[in-house]
Amino acid sequence: GSTSSADSVKGRFTISRDNAKNTVYLQMNSLKPEDTAV
């Protein structure tokens, strides 16, 4: 459950995982144009 993130997204993005569902999520808030990417 430990996490790390890039400085550019700290405080805005949150990563989480559901091991039972084999799923990882990325909650992205306060999005900026600089976040545009694949």
ModelCIF file with pLDDT and N, C-alpha, C, O atoms, coordinates in Angstrom:
data_MODEL
#
_entry.id   MODEL 
#
_entity.id                         1 
_entity.type                       polymer 
_entity.pdbx_number_of_molecules   1 
#
_entity_poly.entity_id                      1 
_entity_poly.type                           'polypeptide(L)' 
_entity_poly.nstd_linkage                   no 
_entity_poly.nstd_monomer                   no 
_entity_poly.pdbx_seq_one_letter_code       GSTSSADSVKGRFTISRDNAKNTVYLQMNSLKPEDTAV 
_entity_poly.pdbx_seq_one_letter_code_can   GSTSSADSVKGRFTISRDNAKNTVYLQMNSLKPEDTAV 
_entity_poly.pdbx_strand_id                 A 
#
loop_
_entity_poly_seq.entity_id 
_entity_poly_seq.num 
_entity_poly_seq.mon_id 
_entity_poly_seq.hetero 
1 1  GLY n 
1 2  SER n 
1 3  THR n 
1 4  SER n 
1 5  SER n 
1 6  ALA n 
1 7  ASP n 
1 8  SER n 
1 9  VAL n 
1 10 LYS n 
1 11 GLY n 
1 12 ARG n 
1 13 PHE n 
1 14 THR n 
1 15 ILE n 
1 16 SER n 
1 17 ARG n 
1 18 ASP n 
1 19 ASN n 
1 20 ALA n 
1 21 LYS n 
1 22 ASN n 
1 23 THR n 
1 24 VAL n 
1 25 TYR n 
1 26 LEU n 
1 27 GLN n 
1 28 MET n 
1 29 ASN n 
1 30 SER n 
1 31 LEU n 
1 32 LYS n 
1 33 PRO n 
1 34 GLU n 
1 35 ASP n 
1 36 THR n 
1 37 ALA n 
1 38 VAL n 
#
_struct_asym.id          A 
_struct_asym.entity_id   1 
#
loop_
_ma_qa_metric.id 
_ma_qa_metric.mode 
_ma_qa_metric.name 
_ma_qa_metric.software_group_id 
_ma_qa_metric.type 
1 global pLDDT . pLDDT 
2 local  pLDDT . pLDDT 
#
_ma_qa_metric_global.metric_id      1 
_ma_qa_metric_global.metric_value   96.13 
_ma_qa_metric_global.model_id       1 
_ma_qa_metric_global.ordinal_id     1 
#
loop_
_ma_qa_metric_local.label_asym_id 
_ma_qa_metric_local.label_comp_id 
_ma_qa_metric_local.label_seq_id 
_ma_qa_metric_local.metric_id 
_ma_qa_metric_local.metric_value 
_ma_qa_metric_local.model_id 
_ma_qa_metric_local.ordinal_id 
A GLY 1  2 92.00 1 1  
A SER 2  2 96.00 1 2  
A THR 3  2 97.00 1 3  
A SER 4  2 97.00 1 4  
A SER 5  2 98.00 1 5  
A ALA 6  2 98.00 1 6  
A ASP 7  2 98.00 1 7  
A SER 8  2 97.00 1 8  
A VAL 9  2 98.00 1 9  
A LYS 10 2 97.00 1 10 
A GLY 11 2 97.00 1 11 
A ARG 12 2 98.00 1 12 
A PHE 13 2 98.00 1 13 
A THR 14 2 98.00 1 14 
A ILE 15 2 98.00 1 15 
A SER 16 2 96.00 1 16 
A ARG 17 2 94.00 1 17 
A ASP 18 2 92.00 1 18 
A ASN 19 2 86.00 1 19 
A ALA 20 2 88.00 1 20 
A LYS 21 2 91.00 1 21 
A ASN 22 2 91.00 1 22 
A THR 23 2 94.00 1 23 
A VAL 24 2 96.00 1 24 
A TYR 25 2 97.00 1 25 
A LEU 26 2 98.00 1 26 
A GLN 27 2 98.00 1 27 
A MET 28 2 98.00 1 28 
A ASN 29 2 98.00 1 29 
A SER 30 2 98.00 1 30 
A LEU 31 2 98.00 1 31 
A LYS 32 2 98.00 1 32 
A PRO 33 2 97.00 1 33 
A GLU 34 2 96.00 1 34 
A ASP 35 2 98.00 1 35 
A THR 36 2 98.00 1 36 
A ALA 37 2 98.00 1 37 
A VAL 38 2 98.00 1 38 
#
loop_
_atom_site.group_PDB 
_atom_site.id 
_atom_site.type_symbol 
_atom_site.label_atom_id 
_atom_site.label_alt_id 
_atom_site.label_comp_id 
_atom_site.label_asym_id 
_atom_site.label_entity_id 
_atom_site.label_seq_id 
_atom_site.pdbx_PDB_ins_code 
_atom_site.Cartn_x 
_atom_site.Cartn_y 
_atom_site.Cartn_z 
_atom_site.occupancy 
_atom_site.B_iso_or_equiv 
_atom_site.pdbx_formal_charge 
_atom_site.auth_seq_id 
_atom_site.auth_comp_id 
_atom_site.auth_asym_id 
_atom_site.auth_atom_id 
_atom_site.pdbx_PDB_model_num 
ATOM 1   N N  . GLY A 1 1  ? 0.774   -1.224 0.000   1.00 92.00 ? 1  GLY A N  1 
ATOM 2   C CA . GLY A 1 1  ? 0.000   0.000  0.000   1.00 92.00 ? 1  GLY A CA 1 
ATOM 3   C C  . GLY A 1 1  ? 0.805   1.274  0.000   1.00 92.00 ? 1  GLY A C  1 
ATOM 4   O O  . GLY A 1 1  ? 0.231   2.357  -0.114  1.00 92.00 ? 1  GLY A O  1 
ATOM 5   N N  . SER A 1 2  ? 2.103   1.186  0.123   1.00 96.00 ? 2  SER A N  1 
ATOM 6   C CA . SER A 1 2  ? 2.930   2.382  0.102   1.00 96.00 ? 2  SER A CA 1 
ATOM 7   C C  . SER A 1 2  ? 2.936   2.992  -1.292  1.00 96.00 ? 2  SER A C  1 
ATOM 8   O O  . SER A 1 2  ? 2.900   2.276  -2.293  1.00 96.00 ? 2  SER A O  1 
ATOM 9   N N  . THR A 1 3  ? 2.981   4.303  -1.351  1.00 97.00 ? 3  THR A N  1 
ATOM 10  C CA . THR A 1 3  ? 2.877   5.004  -2.624  1.00 97.00 ? 3  THR A CA 1 
ATOM 11  C C  . THR A 1 3  ? 4.003   5.996  -2.812  1.00 97.00 ? 3  THR A C  1 
ATOM 12  O O  . THR A 1 3  ? 4.641   6.430  -1.853  1.00 97.00 ? 3  THR A O  1 
ATOM 13  N N  . SER A 1 4  ? 4.234   6.343  -4.048  1.00 97.00 ? 4  SER A N  1 
ATOM 14  C CA . SER A 1 4  ? 5.136   7.413  -4.406  1.00 97.00 ? 4  SER A CA 1 
ATOM 15  C C  . SER A 1 4  ? 4.558   8.113  -5.622  1.00 97.00 ? 4  SER A C  1 
ATOM 16  O O  . SER A 1 4  ? 3.789   7.520  -6.379  1.00 97.00 ? 4  SER A O  1 
ATOM 17  N N  . SER A 1 5  ? 4.921   9.360  -5.808  1.00 98.00 ? 5  SER A N  1 
ATOM 18  C CA . SER A 1 5  ? 4.391   10.112 -6.933  1.00 98.00 ? 5  SER A CA 1 
ATOM 19  C C  . SER A 1 5  ? 5.376   11.187 -7.355  1.00 98.00 ? 5  SER A C  1 
ATOM 20  O O  . SER A 1 5  ? 6.248   11.598 -6.589  1.00 98.00 ? 5  SER A O  1 
ATOM 21  N N  . ALA A 1 6  ? 5.215   11.626 -8.578  1.00 98.00 ? 6  ALA A N  1 
ATOM 22  C CA . ALA A 1 6  ? 6.054   12.694 -9.089  1.00 98.00 ? 6  ALA A CA 1 
ATOM 23  C C  . ALA A 1 6  ? 5.709   14.008 -8.400  1.00 98.00 ? 6  ALA A C  1 
ATOM 24  O O  . ALA A 1 6  ? 4.567   14.231 -7.999  1.00 98.00 ? 6  ALA A O  1 
ATOM 25  N N  . ASP A 1 7  ? 6.709   14.873 -8.269  1.00 98.00 ? 7  ASP A N  1 
ATOM 26  C CA . ASP A 1 7  ? 6.483   16.161 -7.620  1.00 98.00 ? 7  ASP A CA 1 
ATOM 27  C C  . ASP A 1 7  ? 5.405   16.976 -8.326  1.00 98.00 ? 7  ASP A C  1 
ATOM 28  O O  . ASP A 1 7  ? 4.673   17.732 -7.686  1.00 98.00 ? 7  ASP A O  1 
ATOM 29  N N  . SER A 1 8  ? 5.309   16.823 -9.626  1.00 97.00 ? 8  SER A N  1 
ATOM 30  C CA . SER A 1 8  ? 4.374   17.612 -10.403 1.00 97.00 ? 8  SER A CA 1 
ATOM 31  C C  . SER A 1 8  ? 2.909   17.276 -10.116 1.00 97.00 ? 8  SER A C  1 
ATOM 32  O O  . SER A 1 8  ? 2.019   18.059 -10.446 1.00 97.00 ? 8  SER A O  1 
ATOM 33  N N  . VAL A 1 9  ? 2.654   16.114 -9.504  1.00 98.00 ? 9  VAL A N  1 
ATOM 34  C CA . VAL A 1 9  ? 1.274   15.715 -9.244  1.00 98.00 ? 9  VAL A CA 1 
ATOM 35  C C  . VAL A 1 9  ? 0.963   15.562 -7.767  1.00 98.00 ? 9  VAL A C  1 
ATOM 36  O O  . VAL A 1 9  ? -0.174  15.255 -7.407  1.00 98.00 ? 9  VAL A O  1 
ATOM 37  N N  . LYS A 1 10 ? 1.945   15.769 -6.909  1.00 97.00 ? 10 LYS A N  1 
ATOM 38  C CA . LYS A 1 10 ? 1.725   15.638 -5.473  1.00 97.00 ? 10 LYS A CA 1 
ATOM 39  C C  . LYS A 1 10 ? 0.631   16.589 -5.004  1.00 97.00 ? 10 LYS A C  1 
ATOM 40  O O  . LYS A 1 10 ? 0.612   17.766 -5.363  1.00 97.00 ? 10 LYS A O  1 
ATOM 41  N N  . GLY A 1 11 ? -0.266  16.058 -4.204  1.00 97.00 ? 11 GLY A N  1 
ATOM 42  C CA . GLY A 1 11 ? -1.372  16.845 -3.703  1.00 97.00 ? 11 GLY A CA 1 
ATOM 43  C C  . GLY A 1 11 ? -2.564  16.907 -4.625  1.00 97.00 ? 11 GLY A C  1 
ATOM 44  O O  . GLY A 1 11 ? -3.631  17.377 -4.228  1.00 97.00 ? 11 GLY A O  1 
ATOM 45  N N  . ARG A 1 12 ? -2.403  16.439 -5.854  1.00 98.00 ? 12 ARG A N  1 
ATOM 46  C CA . ARG A 1 12 ? -3.491  16.470 -6.821  1.00 98.00 ? 12 ARG A CA 1 
ATOM 47  C C  . ARG A 1 12 ? -3.934  15.081 -7.265  1.00 98.00 ? 12 ARG A C  1 
ATOM 48  O O  . ARG A 1 12 ? -5.124  14.837 -7.462  1.00 98.00 ? 12 ARG A O  1 
ATOM 49  N N  . PHE A 1 13 ? -2.980  14.178 -7.421  1.00 98.00 ? 13 PHE A N  1 
ATOM 50  C CA . PHE A 1 13 ? -3.275  12.820 -7.880  1.00 98.00 ? 13 PHE A CA 1 
ATOM 51  C C  . PHE A 1 13 ? -3.120  11.838 -6.731  1.00 98.00 ? 13 PHE A C  1 
ATOM 52  O O  . PHE A 1 13 ? -2.247  11.995 -5.877  1.00 98.00 ? 13 PHE A O  1 
ATOM 53  N N  . THR A 1 14 ? -3.971  10.829 -6.717  1.00 98.00 ? 14 THR A N  1 
ATOM 54  C CA . THR A 1 14 ? -3.900  9.780  -5.711  1.00 98.00 ? 14 THR A CA 1 
ATOM 55  C C  . THR A 1 14 ? -3.993  8.420  -6.385  1.00 98.00 ? 14 THR A C  1 
ATOM 56  O O  . THR A 1 14 ? -4.928  8.157  -7.142  1.00 98.00 ? 14 THR A O  1 
ATOM 57  N N  . ILE A 1 15 ? -3.029  7.563  -6.112  1.00 98.00 ? 15 ILE A N  1 
ATOM 58  C CA . ILE A 1 15 ? -3.046  6.213  -6.650  1.00 98.00 ? 15 ILE A CA 1 
ATOM 59  C C  . ILE A 1 15 ? -3.554  5.249  -5.585  1.00 98.00 ? 15 ILE A C  1 
ATOM 60  O O  . ILE A 1 15 ? -3.259  5.412  -4.401  1.00 98.00 ? 15 ILE A O  1 
ATOM 61  N N  . SER A 1 16 ? -4.311  4.255  -6.005  1.00 96.00 ? 16 SER A N  1 
ATOM 62  C CA . SER A 1 16 ? -4.812  3.245  -5.095  1.00 96.00 ? 16 SER A CA 1 
ATOM 63  C C  . SER A 1 16 ? -4.947  1.935  -5.848  1.00 96.00 ? 16 SER A C  1 
ATOM 64  O O  . SER A 1 16 ? -4.895  1.909  -7.078  1.00 96.00 ? 16 SER A O  1 
ATOM 65  N N  . ARG A 1 17 ? -5.119  0.856  -5.115  1.00 94.00 ? 17 ARG A N  1 
ATOM 66  C CA . ARG A 1 17 ? -5.259  -0.450 -5.751  1.00 94.00 ? 17 ARG A CA 1 
ATOM 67  C C  . ARG A 1 17 ? -6.247  -1.305 -4.982  1.00 94.00 ? 17 ARG A C  1 
ATOM 68  O O  . ARG A 1 17 ? -6.400  -1.177 -3.767  1.00 94.00 ? 17 ARG A O  1 
ATOM 69  N N  . ASP A 1 18 ? -6.907  -2.174 -5.715  1.00 92.00 ? 18 ASP A N  1 
ATOM 70  C CA . ASP A 1 18 ? -7.815  -3.152 -5.148  1.00 92.00 ? 18 ASP A CA 1 
ATOM 71  C C  . ASP A 1 18 ? -7.263  -4.506 -5.545  1.00 92.00 ? 18 ASP A C  1 
ATOM 72  O O  . ASP A 1 18 ? -7.459  -4.959 -6.673  1.00 92.00 ? 18 ASP A O  1 
ATOM 73  N N  . ASN A 1 19 ? -6.578  -5.147 -4.623  1.00 86.00 ? 19 ASN A N  1 
ATOM 74  C CA . ASN A 1 19 ? -5.915  -6.400 -4.942  1.00 86.00 ? 19 ASN A CA 1 
ATOM 75  C C  . ASN A 1 19 ? -6.900  -7.509 -5.306  1.00 86.00 ? 19 ASN A C  1 
ATOM 76  O O  . ASN A 1 19 ? -6.598  -8.363 -6.140  1.00 86.00 ? 19 ASN A O  1 
ATOM 77  N N  . ALA A 1 20 ? -8.065  -7.496 -4.687  1.00 88.00 ? 20 ALA A N  1 
ATOM 78  C CA . ALA A 1 20 ? -9.061  -8.514 -4.979  1.00 88.00 ? 20 ALA A CA 1 
ATOM 79  C C  . ALA A 1 20 ? -9.562  -8.420 -6.412  1.00 88.00 ? 20 ALA A C  1 
ATOM 80  O O  . ALA A 1 20 ? -9.938  -9.428 -7.010  1.00 88.00 ? 20 ALA A O  1 
ATOM 81  N N  . LYS A 1 21 ? -9.568  -7.223 -6.956  1.00 91.00 ? 21 LYS A N  1 
ATOM 82  C CA . LYS A 1 21 ? -10.042 -7.004 -8.317  1.00 91.00 ? 21 LYS A CA 1 
ATOM 83  C C  . LYS A 1 21 ? -8.917  -6.846 -9.320  1.00 91.00 ? 21 LYS A C  1 
ATOM 84  O O  . LYS A 1 21 ? -9.165  -6.635 -10.507 1.00 91.00 ? 21 LYS A O  1 
ATOM 85  N N  . ASN A 1 22 ? -7.671  -6.948 -8.849  1.00 91.00 ? 22 ASN A N  1 
ATOM 86  C CA . ASN A 1 22 ? -6.510  -6.743 -9.716  1.00 91.00 ? 22 ASN A CA 1 
ATOM 87  C C  . ASN A 1 22 ? -6.629  -5.441 -10.500 1.00 91.00 ? 22 ASN A C  1 
ATOM 88  O O  . ASN A 1 22 ? -6.444  -5.405 -11.716 1.00 91.00 ? 22 ASN A O  1 
ATOM 89  N N  . THR A 1 23 ? -6.940  -4.387 -9.778  1.00 94.00 ? 23 THR A N  1 
ATOM 90  C CA . THR A 1 23 ? -7.196  -3.099 -10.402 1.00 94.00 ? 23 THR A CA 1 
ATOM 91  C C  . THR A 1 23 ? -6.415  -2.003 -9.691  1.00 94.00 ? 23 THR A C  1 
ATOM 92  O O  . THR A 1 23 ? -6.314  -1.992 -8.464  1.00 94.00 ? 23 THR A O  1 
ATOM 93  N N  . VAL A 1 24 ? -5.869  -1.090 -10.467 1.00 96.00 ? 24 VAL A N  1 
ATOM 94  C CA . VAL A 1 24 ? -5.206  0.088  -9.934  1.00 96.00 ? 24 VAL A CA 1 
ATOM 95  C C  . VAL A 1 24 ? -5.923  1.317  -10.468 1.00 96.00 ? 24 VAL A C  1 
ATOM 96  O O  . VAL A 1 24 ? -6.363  1.347  -11.617 1.00 96.00 ? 24 VAL A O  1 
ATOM 97  N N  . TYR A 1 25 ? -6.034  2.330  -9.618  1.00 97.00 ? 25 TYR A N  1 
ATOM 98  C CA . TYR A 1 25 ? -6.745  3.548  -9.964  1.00 97.00 ? 25 TYR A CA 1 
ATOM 99  C C  . TYR A 1 25 ? -5.824  4.750  -9.848  1.00 97.00 ? 25 TYR A C  1 
ATOM 100 O O  . TYR A 1 25 ? -4.838  4.731  -9.111  1.00 97.00 ? 25 TYR A O  1 
ATOM 101 N N  . LEU A 1 26 ? -6.159  5.776  -10.575 1.00 98.00 ? 26 LEU A N  1 
ATOM 102 C CA . LEU A 1 26 ? -5.494  7.062  -10.440 1.00 98.00 ? 26 LEU A CA 1 
ATOM 103 C C  . LEU A 1 26 ? -6.567  8.139  -10.408 1.00 98.00 ? 26 LEU A C  1 
ATOM 104 O O  . LEU A 1 26 ? -7.186  8.448  -11.427 1.00 98.00 ? 26 LEU A O  1 
ATOM 105 N N  . GLN A 1 27 ? -6.778  8.706  -9.230  1.00 98.00 ? 27 GLN A N  1 
ATOM 106 C CA . GLN A 1 27 ? -7.710  9.813  -9.079  1.00 98.00 ? 27 GLN A CA 1 
ATOM 107 C C  . GLN A 1 27 ? -6.959  11.101 -9.347  1.00 98.00 ? 27 GLN A C  1 
ATOM 108 O O  . GLN A 1 27 ? -5.994  11.415 -8.650  1.00 98.00 ? 27 GLN A O  1 
ATOM 109 N N  . MET A 1 28 ? -7.388  11.844 -10.343 1.00 98.00 ? 28 MET A N  1 
ATOM 110 C CA . MET A 1 28 ? -6.711  13.061 -10.758 1.00 98.00 ? 28 MET A CA 1 
ATOM 111 C C  . MET A 1 28 ? -7.629  14.248 -10.515 1.00 98.00 ? 28 MET A C  1 
ATOM 112 O O  . MET A 1 28 ? -8.699  14.355 -11.115 1.00 98.00 ? 28 MET A O  1 
ATOM 113 N N  . ASN A 1 29 ? -7.202  15.129 -9.635  1.00 98.00 ? 29 ASN A N  1 
ATOM 114 C CA . ASN A 1 29 ? -7.952  16.334 -9.311  1.00 98.00 ? 29 ASN A CA 1 
ATOM 115 C C  . ASN A 1 29 ? -7.145  17.564 -9.692  1.00 98.00 ? 29 ASN A C  1 
ATOM 116 O O  . ASN A 1 29 ? -5.937  17.488 -9.917  1.00 98.00 ? 29 ASN A O  1 
ATOM 117 N N  . SER A 1 30 ? -7.824  18.683 -9.760  1.00 98.00 ? 30 SER A N  1 
ATOM 118 C CA . SER A 1 30 ? -7.178  19.955 -10.088 1.00 98.00 ? 30 SER A CA 1 
ATOM 119 C C  . SER A 1 30 ? -6.303  19.831 -11.323 1.00 98.00 ? 30 SER A C  1 
ATOM 120 O O  . SER A 1 30 ? -5.148  20.258 -11.328 1.00 98.00 ? 30 SER A O  1 
ATOM 121 N N  . LEU A 1 31 ? -6.857  19.254 -12.350 1.00 98.00 ? 31 LEU A N  1 
ATOM 122 C CA . LEU A 1 31 ? -6.092  18.988 -13.562 1.00 98.00 ? 31 LEU A CA 1 
ATOM 123 C C  . LEU A 1 31 ? -5.655  20.274 -14.248 1.00 98.00 ? 31 LEU A C  1 
ATOM 124 O O  . LEU A 1 31 ? -6.372  21.274 -14.260 1.00 98.00 ? 31 LEU A O  1 
ATOM 125 N N  . LYS A 1 32 ? -4.463  20.216 -14.818 1.00 98.00 ? 32 LYS A N  1 
ATOM 126 C CA . LYS A 1 32 ? -3.859  21.332 -15.518 1.00 98.00 ? 32 LYS A CA 1 
ATOM 127 C C  . LYS A 1 32 ? -3.612  20.945 -16.972 1.00 98.00 ? 32 LYS A C  1 
ATOM 128 O O  . LYS A 1 32 ? -3.507  19.759 -17.283 1.00 98.00 ? 32 LYS A O  1 
ATOM 129 N N  . PRO A 1 33 ? -3.519  21.923 -17.865 1.00 97.00 ? 33 PRO A N  1 
ATOM 130 C CA . PRO A 1 33 ? -3.187  21.593 -19.255 1.00 97.00 ? 33 PRO A CA 1 
ATOM 131 C C  . PRO A 1 33 ? -1.887  20.792 -19.381 1.00 97.00 ? 33 PRO A C  1 
ATOM 132 O O  . PRO A 1 33 ? -1.749  19.972 -20.288 1.00 97.00 ? 33 PRO A O  1 
ATOM 133 N N  . GLU A 1 34 ? -0.948  21.027 -18.483 1.00 96.00 ? 34 GLU A N  1 
ATOM 134 C CA . GLU A 1 34 ? 0.312   20.306 -18.504 1.00 96.00 ? 34 GLU A CA 1 
ATOM 135 C C  . GLU A 1 34 ? 0.155   18.816 -18.217 1.00 96.00 ? 34 GLU A C  1 
ATOM 136 O O  . GLU A 1 34 ? 1.080   18.040 -18.457 1.00 96.00 ? 34 GLU A O  1 
ATOM 137 N N  . ASP A 1 35 ? -1.000  18.412 -17.709 1.00 98.00 ? 35 ASP A N  1 
ATOM 138 C CA . ASP A 1 35 ? -1.259  16.999 -17.452 1.00 98.00 ? 35 ASP A CA 1 
ATOM 139 C C  . ASP A 1 35 ? -1.692  16.253 -18.709 1.00 98.00 ? 35 ASP A C  1 
ATOM 140 O O  . ASP A 1 35 ? -1.822  15.029 -18.684 1.00 98.00 ? 35 ASP A O  1 
ATOM 141 N N  . THR A 1 36 ? -1.912  16.960 -19.789 1.00 98.00 ? 36 THR A N  1 
ATOM 142 C CA . THR A 1 36 ? -2.337  16.330 -21.036 1.00 98.00 ? 36 THR A CA 1 
ATOM 143 C C  . THR A 1 36 ? -1.281  15.350 -21.517 1.00 98.00 ? 36 THR A C  1 
ATOM 144 O O  . THR A 1 36 ? -0.120  15.718 -21.698 1.00 98.00 ? 36 THR A O  1 
ATOM 145 N N  . ALA A 1 37 ? -1.684  14.105 -21.722 1.00 98.00 ? 37 ALA A N  1 
ATOM 146 C CA . ALA A 1 37 ? -0.760  13.054 -22.130 1.00 98.00 ? 37 ALA A CA 1 
ATOM 147 C C  . ALA A 1 37 ? -1.536  11.759 -22.316 1.00 98.00 ? 37 ALA A C  1 
ATOM 148 O O  . ALA A 1 37 ? -2.714  11.663 -21.972 1.00 98.00 ? 37 ALA A O  1 
ATOM 149 N N  . VAL A 1 38 ? -0.855  10.777 -22.863 1.00 98.00 ? 38 VAL A N  1 
ATOM 150 C CA . VAL A 1 38 ? -1.368  9.416  -22.835 1.00 98.00 ? 38 VAL A CA 1 
ATOM 151 C C  . VAL A 1 38 ? -0.884  8.778  -21.548 1.00 98.00 ? 38 VAL A C  1 
ATOM 152 O O  . VAL A 1 38 ? -1.186  7.614  -21.284 1.00 98.00 ? 38 VAL A O  1 
#
